[in-house]
Amino acid sequence: MDKYLKIKTECCESQSAKMNELIVKSTNEKGTVDKKKVSDRIMKEKSEFFKYYIVMFSEFEKIKDVGDGWKLREYERMFNKITQLTEFGGGHDIGTGRIQVRRHIRNKPKWWTNDDWNVVPSNWLVVLGPGTVTQEEIYTDEGNEITSELKKLQVLYVGRNITDIEDSAFQDHINLKTIVFQPHSKCETIKDHGFISCDSLSTLYLPDSLKEIGVQSFENCISLKSLIIPKTVQIIGNKCFKNCGLVTLEIHYHINLELGRKVFEHNLNLKSVRLTGGTSDEWKRILKSQFKCCPKLEAKATRMNMTTVNYLIENMD
């Protein structure tokens, strides 16, 4: 934490110094600042400003989330600043494939040309909506270009006004490491295969608005170590989190909660499951055989001479 805050301070001071330098260079002999020159210089220097955020983000990702909401709020502040920088001067990207901000997901603005819409794949993607996100709107090209795009995306920030992630929207993005939904998100559904086989996914913040997570939405996300399922979720589809890298899991019971088959099966490193709410009978009804092939849980249960589900229920909150 201290190292991140130090880097954040240094980056902010460096950005401020850079901005003052641009203003000085745009000031005439009479001491008047030429606002157009400042704007033009900022447009040219966007990539340099963005480098500060890359440094900050790299260190920020190392901070463990202690569950007090601070980290999510810090994500929001950071991406608000990044979005402002990206859209400064009417833009929607920085550099060649570094970051894109997409506001018009469902309806392409009439004044955008095909070149504006089919922008190159990016390392960072901010989707703001409003509306839903489909696979066709994320892939910028077809055919052979899709392979390179799937390898490009590393960070995804989903804005407040996105309501749904459609079928297979981010399937097979093998280098996608971080997914953050903006606080107070309106997203209610992640549909089938939404993020299946995102091998590198290690940071996932699901929104409190979420009601349904579809079939195999996060299956084979082998780098995902920790998961908190929002209390608002009512439906979790078959094999949704099968074969992930989960070590810890938190899930809350409510009367409308429905689990598909094999939701958490084959999480080889899963050793801690926190169950909240509900009674032992209610948990027995919905969990059944959800944790097959989770050897670390099974070993704990065996030592207590219990089934895995009974062991989890015995130790629930």
Protein backbone atom coordinates (compact mmCIF):
# COMPACT_ATOMS: atom_id res chain seq x y z
CA MET A 1 0.00 0.00 0.00
CA ASP A 2 2.70 2.52 0.99
CA LYS A 3 4.65 1.85 -2.19
CA TYR A 4 1.56 2.36 -4.33
CA LEU A 5 0.66 5.63 -2.59
CA LYS A 6 4.21 6.85 -3.07
CA ILE A 7 4.13 5.98 -6.78
CA LYS A 8 0.69 7.60 -7.10
CA THR A 9 2.02 10.82 -5.56
CA GLU A 10 5.08 10.79 -7.82
CA CYS A 11 2.95 10.18 -10.92
CA CYS A 12 0.53 12.97 -10.02
CA GLU A 13 3.42 15.38 -9.43
CA SER A 14 5.04 14.36 -12.73
CA GLN A 15 1.75 14.85 -14.58
CA SER A 16 1.30 18.25 -12.99
CA ALA A 17 4.84 19.27 -13.93
CA LYS A 18 4.27 18.08 -17.50
CA MET A 19 1.06 20.09 -17.73
CA ASN A 20 2.76 23.23 -16.39
CA GLU A 21 5.49 22.76 -18.98
CA LEU A 22 2.88 22.58 -21.77
CA ILE A 23 1.21 25.75 -20.46
CA VAL A 24 4.53 27.62 -20.34
CA LYS A 25 5.30 26.60 -23.93
CA SER A 26 1.86 27.85 -24.99
CA THR A 27 2.15 31.25 -23.31
CA ASN A 28 2.92 34.27 -25.50
CA GLU A 29 5.10 37.26 -24.69
CA LYS A 30 2.15 39.08 -23.12
CA GLY A 31 1.64 36.26 -20.66
CA THR A 32 -1.56 35.05 -22.29
CA VAL A 33 -2.08 31.29 -22.54
CA ASP A 34 -3.11 30.05 -25.98
CA LYS A 35 -5.71 27.45 -25.04
CA LYS A 36 -5.72 25.93 -28.50
CA LYS A 37 -1.97 25.35 -28.33
CA VAL A 38 -2.33 23.75 -24.89
CA SER A 39 -5.05 21.48 -26.24
CA ASP A 40 -2.98 20.54 -29.29
CA ARG A 41 0.06 19.77 -27.16
CA ILE A 42 -1.98 17.61 -24.77
CA MET A 43 -3.33 15.66 -27.74
CA LYS A 44 0.22 14.96 -28.85
CA GLU A 45 1.33 14.02 -25.34
CA LYS A 46 -1.56 11.67 -24.44
CA SER A 47 0.62 8.58 -24.65
CA GLU A 48 3.15 10.11 -22.27
CA PHE A 49 0.44 10.95 -19.74
CA PHE A 50 -0.99 7.43 -20.04
CA LYS A 51 2.39 5.91 -19.13
CA TYR A 52 1.94 7.24 -15.58
CA TYR A 53 -1.29 5.26 -15.23
CA ILE A 54 0.39 2.09 -16.46
CA VAL A 55 3.03 2.42 -13.73
CA MET A 56 0.41 3.16 -11.06
CA PHE A 57 -1.84 0.32 -12.17
CA SER A 58 0.95 -2.23 -12.11
CA GLU A 59 1.71 -1.47 -8.48
CA PHE A 60 -1.96 -1.09 -7.54
CA GLU A 61 -2.75 -4.62 -8.74
CA LYS A 62 -0.34 -6.01 -6.15
CA ILE A 63 -2.37 -4.63 -3.22
CA LYS A 64 -4.49 -7.24 -1.49
CA ASP A 65 -8.17 -6.37 -1.25
CA VAL A 66 -9.19 -6.48 2.42
CA GLY A 67 -12.89 -6.20 1.64
CA ASP A 68 -13.55 -2.64 2.82
CA GLY A 69 -14.42 -1.32 -0.65
CA TRP A 70 -11.35 0.92 -0.91
CA LYS A 71 -9.78 -0.92 -3.82
CA LEU A 72 -12.94 -0.84 -5.92
CA ARG A 73 -13.36 2.89 -5.28
CA GLU A 74 -9.73 3.44 -6.27
CA TYR A 75 -10.33 1.53 -9.52
CA GLU A 76 -13.25 3.84 -10.22
CA ARG A 77 -11.21 7.00 -9.59
CA MET A 78 -8.38 5.75 -11.76
CA PHE A 79 -10.59 4.77 -14.70
CA ASN A 80 -12.52 8.05 -14.52
CA LYS A 81 -9.22 9.90 -14.96
CA ILE A 82 -8.09 7.54 -17.72
CA THR A 83 -11.40 8.01 -19.56
CA GLN A 84 -11.11 11.81 -19.33
CA LEU A 85 -7.60 11.66 -20.75
CA THR A 86 -8.57 9.29 -23.56
CA GLU A 87 -11.62 11.32 -24.60
CA PHE A 88 -9.84 14.68 -24.35
CA GLY A 89 -10.25 16.54 -27.62
CA GLY A 90 -12.95 14.19 -28.86
CA GLY A 91 -10.77 11.09 -29.01
CA HIS A 92 -11.59 7.49 -28.12
CA ASP A 93 -8.16 5.88 -28.01
CA ILE A 94 -4.53 6.47 -27.11
CA GLY A 95 -1.66 5.25 -29.19
CA THR A 96 -1.89 2.19 -31.42
CA GLY A 97 -3.79 -0.40 -29.47
CA ARG A 98 -3.00 0.89 -25.97
CA ILE A 99 -6.44 1.89 -24.70
CA GLN A 100 -9.91 2.46 -26.13
CA VAL A 101 -12.99 4.01 -24.61
CA ARG A 102 -16.25 2.93 -26.22
CA ARG A 103 -19.44 4.74 -25.28
CA HIS A 104 -21.69 3.80 -28.18
CA ILE A 105 -21.83 0.02 -28.01
CA ARG A 106 -25.19 -0.85 -29.52
CA ASN A 107 -25.66 2.06 -31.90
CA LYS A 108 -22.77 3.37 -33.96
CA PRO A 109 -22.91 7.19 -34.15
CA LYS A 110 -23.98 8.33 -37.64
CA TRP A 111 -20.90 10.49 -38.04
CA TRP A 112 -18.45 7.63 -37.37
CA THR A 113 -16.80 6.09 -40.39
CA ASN A 114 -15.95 2.39 -40.59
CA ASP A 115 -12.40 3.28 -39.60
CA ASP A 116 -13.71 4.97 -36.46
CA TRP A 117 -15.75 1.92 -35.48
CA ASN A 118 -13.34 -0.85 -36.43
CA VAL A 119 -10.51 0.38 -34.26
CA VAL A 120 -7.48 -1.80 -33.63
CA PRO A 121 -7.33 -4.26 -30.69
CA SER A 122 -6.25 -2.68 -27.41
CA ASN A 123 -4.49 -3.65 -24.18
CA TRP A 124 -7.06 -1.74 -22.10
CA LEU A 125 -10.75 -1.43 -22.95
CA VAL A 126 -13.32 0.79 -21.22
CA VAL A 127 -16.90 0.07 -22.32
CA LEU A 128 -19.39 2.64 -21.08
CA GLY A 129 -22.55 1.98 -23.07
CA PRO A 130 -25.41 2.36 -22.61
CA GLY A 131 -26.70 -1.06 -23.61
CA THR A 132 -25.37 -4.57 -23.95
CA VAL A 133 -21.97 -5.82 -25.10
CA THR A 134 -21.86 -8.50 -27.80
CA GLN A 135 -18.98 -10.44 -29.29
CA GLU A 136 -19.43 -8.69 -32.63
CA GLU A 137 -18.99 -5.30 -30.98
CA ILE A 138 -15.79 -6.33 -29.24
CA TYR A 139 -14.05 -7.97 -32.18
CA THR A 140 -12.91 -5.25 -34.52
CA ASP A 141 -12.12 -7.47 -37.49
CA GLU A 142 -13.04 -10.88 -38.78
CA GLY A 143 -11.12 -13.91 -39.92
CA ASN A 144 -7.40 -14.07 -39.21
CA GLU A 145 -7.38 -10.81 -37.25
CA ILE A 146 -9.45 -12.28 -34.41
CA THR A 147 -6.55 -14.38 -33.16
CA SER A 148 -4.35 -11.33 -32.57
CA GLU A 149 -7.23 -9.51 -30.89
CA LEU A 150 -7.81 -12.34 -28.43
CA LYS A 151 -4.18 -12.04 -27.35
CA LYS A 152 -4.27 -8.25 -26.97
CA LEU A 153 -6.80 -7.36 -24.27
CA GLN A 154 -5.45 -7.29 -20.70
CA VAL A 155 -7.70 -4.93 -18.72
CA LEU A 156 -11.47 -4.50 -19.03
CA TYR A 157 -13.50 -1.84 -17.20
CA VAL A 158 -17.28 -2.08 -17.57
CA GLY A 159 -19.13 1.18 -17.04
CA ARG A 160 -22.29 1.84 -15.06
CA ASN A 161 -24.67 1.86 -18.03
CA ILE A 162 -23.81 -1.55 -19.47
CA THR A 163 -26.81 -3.78 -18.71
CA ASP A 164 -25.73 -7.18 -20.08
CA ILE A 165 -22.67 -9.07 -21.29
CA GLU A 166 -23.96 -11.20 -24.15
CA ASP A 167 -23.11 -14.80 -25.12
CA SER A 168 -19.37 -15.43 -25.63
CA ALA A 169 -18.62 -11.69 -25.65
CA PHE A 170 -15.10 -12.12 -24.21
CA GLN A 171 -14.53 -15.82 -24.81
CA ASP A 172 -10.90 -16.98 -25.16
CA HIS A 173 -9.26 -13.63 -24.34
CA ILE A 174 -6.22 -15.49 -23.08
CA ASN A 175 -4.32 -12.45 -21.72
CA LEU A 176 -7.23 -10.72 -20.02
CA LYS A 177 -6.06 -10.31 -16.41
CA THR A 178 -8.44 -7.81 -14.84
CA ILE A 179 -12.22 -7.30 -15.06
CA VAL A 180 -13.78 -4.53 -13.01
CA PHE A 181 -17.42 -3.43 -13.06
CA GLN A 182 -17.98 0.17 -12.04
CA PRO A 183 -19.62 0.64 -8.63
CA HIS A 184 -23.39 1.13 -8.93
CA SER A 185 -23.32 -0.85 -12.18
CA LYS A 186 -26.62 -1.63 -13.89
CA CYS A 187 -25.36 -4.91 -15.34
CA GLU A 188 -27.80 -7.73 -14.51
CA THR A 189 -26.66 -10.60 -16.72
CA ILE A 190 -23.46 -12.24 -17.87
CA LYS A 191 -24.73 -14.70 -20.43
CA ASP A 192 -23.47 -18.14 -21.45
CA HIS A 193 -19.72 -18.44 -22.11
CA GLY A 194 -19.26 -14.71 -21.45
CA PHE A 195 -15.64 -15.05 -20.23
CA ILE A 196 -14.94 -18.74 -20.75
CA SER A 197 -11.27 -19.73 -21.10
CA CYS A 198 -9.78 -16.36 -20.13
CA ASP A 199 -6.65 -18.15 -18.93
CA SER A 200 -4.93 -15.16 -17.30
CA LEU A 201 -7.93 -13.74 -15.43
CA SER A 202 -6.83 -13.15 -11.83
CA THR A 203 -8.84 -10.08 -10.73
CA LEU A 204 -12.63 -10.13 -10.97
CA TYR A 205 -15.04 -7.65 -9.37
CA LEU A 206 -18.64 -8.64 -10.10
CA PRO A 207 -21.30 -5.93 -9.63
CA ASP A 208 -23.93 -5.87 -6.89
CA SER A 209 -26.58 -5.46 -9.61
CA LEU A 210 -25.86 -8.90 -11.08
CA LYS A 211 -28.77 -11.37 -11.14
CA GLU A 212 -27.66 -14.12 -13.51
CA ILE A 213 -24.33 -15.70 -14.48
CA GLY A 214 -24.80 -17.99 -17.45
CA VAL A 215 -23.65 -21.47 -18.40
CA GLN A 216 -19.86 -21.88 -18.40
CA SER A 217 -19.41 -18.10 -18.11
CA PHE A 218 -16.05 -18.41 -16.33
CA GLU A 219 -15.14 -22.05 -16.94
CA ASN A 220 -11.41 -22.66 -17.44
CA CYS A 221 -10.37 -19.31 -15.95
CA ILE A 222 -7.45 -21.12 -14.41
CA SER A 223 -5.75 -18.07 -12.85
CA LEU A 224 -8.80 -16.90 -10.87
CA LYS A 225 -7.90 -17.46 -7.21
CA SER A 226 -10.58 -15.61 -5.26
CA LEU A 227 -14.28 -15.09 -5.92
CA ILE A 228 -17.08 -13.26 -4.10
CA ILE A 229 -20.48 -13.89 -5.66
CA PRO A 230 -22.76 -10.87 -5.07
CA LYS A 231 -25.78 -11.40 -2.84
CA THR A 232 -28.04 -10.25 -5.69
CA VAL A 233 -27.23 -13.24 -7.91
CA GLN A 234 -30.23 -15.54 -8.38
CA ILE A 235 -29.08 -17.93 -11.12
CA ILE A 236 -25.66 -19.51 -11.68
CA GLY A 237 -25.52 -21.70 -14.77
CA ASN A 238 -24.07 -25.17 -15.32
CA LYS A 239 -20.28 -25.44 -14.99
CA CYS A 240 -20.10 -21.68 -14.50
CA PHE A 241 -16.87 -21.77 -12.45
CA LYS A 242 -15.70 -25.27 -13.32
CA ASN A 243 -11.96 -25.82 -13.62
CA CYS A 244 -10.95 -22.40 -12.32
CA GLY A 245 -7.97 -21.80 -10.06
CA LEU A 246 -10.15 -20.90 -7.08
CA VAL A 247 -8.59 -20.99 -3.63
CA THR A 248 -11.29 -19.03 -1.79
CA LEU A 249 -15.01 -18.64 -2.51
CA GLU A 250 -17.79 -16.68 -0.84
CA ILE A 251 -21.46 -17.24 -1.66
CA HIS A 252 -24.66 -16.08 0.05
CA TYR A 253 -27.94 -17.99 0.24
CA HIS A 254 -31.33 -16.48 -0.50
CA ILE A 255 -34.67 -18.01 -1.38
CA ASN A 256 -34.32 -17.38 -5.15
CA LEU A 257 -30.82 -18.78 -5.53
CA GLU A 258 -30.57 -21.47 -8.21
CA LEU A 259 -27.38 -23.36 -8.98
CA GLY A 260 -26.92 -25.36 -12.16
CA ARG A 261 -24.94 -28.59 -12.36
CA LYS A 262 -21.22 -28.84 -11.57
CA VAL A 263 -20.90 -25.09 -10.89
CA PHE A 264 -17.69 -25.33 -8.84
CA GLU A 265 -16.45 -28.74 -9.93
CA HIS A 266 -12.76 -29.42 -10.54
CA ASN A 267 -11.28 -26.51 -8.59
CA LEU A 268 -8.16 -28.35 -7.54
CA ASN A 269 -6.86 -25.67 -5.16
CA LEU A 270 -10.12 -24.67 -3.51
CA LYS A 271 -9.67 -24.88 0.26
CA SER A 272 -11.91 -22.20 1.73
CA VAL A 273 -15.63 -21.74 1.08
CA ARG A 274 -17.60 -19.17 3.06
CA LEU A 275 -21.35 -19.82 3.11
CA THR A 276 -23.53 -17.03 4.49
CA GLY A 277 -27.26 -16.96 5.13
CA GLY A 278 -29.61 -19.91 4.81
CA THR A 279 -30.06 -23.05 6.89
CA SER A 280 -28.18 -26.32 6.69
CA ASP A 281 -31.11 -27.99 4.90
CA GLU A 282 -31.31 -25.17 2.34
CA TRP A 283 -27.60 -25.42 1.59
CA LYS A 284 -27.79 -29.21 1.29
CA ARG A 285 -30.56 -28.84 -1.26
CA ILE A 286 -28.71 -26.51 -3.61
CA LEU A 287 -25.09 -27.58 -3.14
CA LYS A 288 -25.52 -31.33 -3.57
CA SER A 289 -22.46 -32.42 -5.60
CA GLN A 290 -21.24 -28.97 -6.66
CA PHE A 291 -17.73 -29.54 -5.30
CA LYS A 292 -16.68 -32.80 -6.94
CA CYS A 293 -12.99 -33.03 -7.81
CA CYS A 294 -12.00 -30.37 -5.29
CA PRO A 295 -9.36 -32.50 -3.52
CA LYS A 296 -8.31 -29.98 -0.86
CA LEU A 297 -11.88 -29.60 0.36
CA GLU A 298 -12.45 -33.34 0.15
CA ALA A 299 -9.34 -34.00 2.24
CA LYS A 300 -10.58 -31.66 4.99
CA ALA A 301 -13.96 -33.36 4.96
CA THR A 302 -12.42 -36.83 5.08
CA ARG A 303 -10.39 -35.93 8.16
CA MET A 304 -13.66 -34.97 9.85
CA ASN A 305 -15.37 -38.13 8.55
CA MET A 306 -17.90 -36.03 6.62
CA THR A 307 -19.03 -35.44 3.06
CA THR A 308 -17.66 -32.26 1.50
CA VAL A 309 -21.04 -30.51 1.62
CA ASN A 310 -21.67 -31.49 5.25
CA TYR A 311 -18.20 -30.23 6.14
CA LEU A 312 -18.90 -26.86 4.50
CA ILE A 313 -22.27 -26.55 6.20
CA GLU A 314 -20.80 -27.46 9.58
CA ASN A 315 -18.36 -24.56 9.22
CA MET A 316 -20.63 -21.97 7.65
CA ASP A 317 -21.26 -18.49 9.07
